[in-house]
Amino acid sequence: MKWLPESMRRRSAGTWMGVVRACGVAVALSLFGFADPSAAAPSGTRHRAVLREMQIHKVPRLGLEIWVENQPEWEAEVSNATGHPTFVARSPLNYHPSTVMTYASWPNERVAADRLRSMATTAIQRASRNFGLTQPQSIAIVPSPVRYGILQGYEATFAGVQQGSPIDVTVFVGHQPGRFPVALSIYTLGGKMDNLTEQRRRAWTKLRYLP
């Protein structure tokens, strides 16, 4: 596991901060004036149900129901490391390729359909700078339209660097039309993103908004 950045290998609660800072999607979207939802969202305890293949986390602070791998069981936590609540799911130490998924949302915001592409593109390009891309490399990223279950939005995959190690990153920004925007990301060992197509599909297509 030495090839994996330290922030992805450690198990202590403090290391979630490094994982979330690396994503940076919430920070990028905050530049659009999207507010921290924690003041308005319910502050109740996160509830977790377990199925055979997936964990189901109801996260009131994000207004989302998030499905996480359970075979093997992934670790999951809500972090405020970026100043914005972010749900982080991390593969166990014996999992290959080691992987991190993050989820952020803005329950008080709405994005018009004709503004979604430009907003998502700018957010993804800015977030990519947190993974070692130069400004010209970031500007060259052109997200593609994509759907995951109820979500519609834009997605880009790019190669980055975290603590000196090459990684692959996929970032999605979108919404269910009429509902608030979400930002999802997944990153893993360089050259291994194609190995996670099913895990990404399974998690992101099952995402739901809480009532």
Foldseek 3Di string as FASTA:
>chain_A
DVLDPPLQQDDDPVSVLVVVLLQCLVVLLCVVVQDAQQVPWDPDDWDWDDDPFWIWICDRSQQKIFIHGVVPYWDWDWDCSVVHTKIKTWHDNVDPFTKIKIKHWRQVDADDPVCQQVSFLSSQLVSQVSQVDDNVRSNPWHWDWDDQAQWTHTKTWDWGHDPRHIKIKMKTWTGRHPGTIMIMMMMTHPPCPVVCPVVCNVGRNPMDGHD
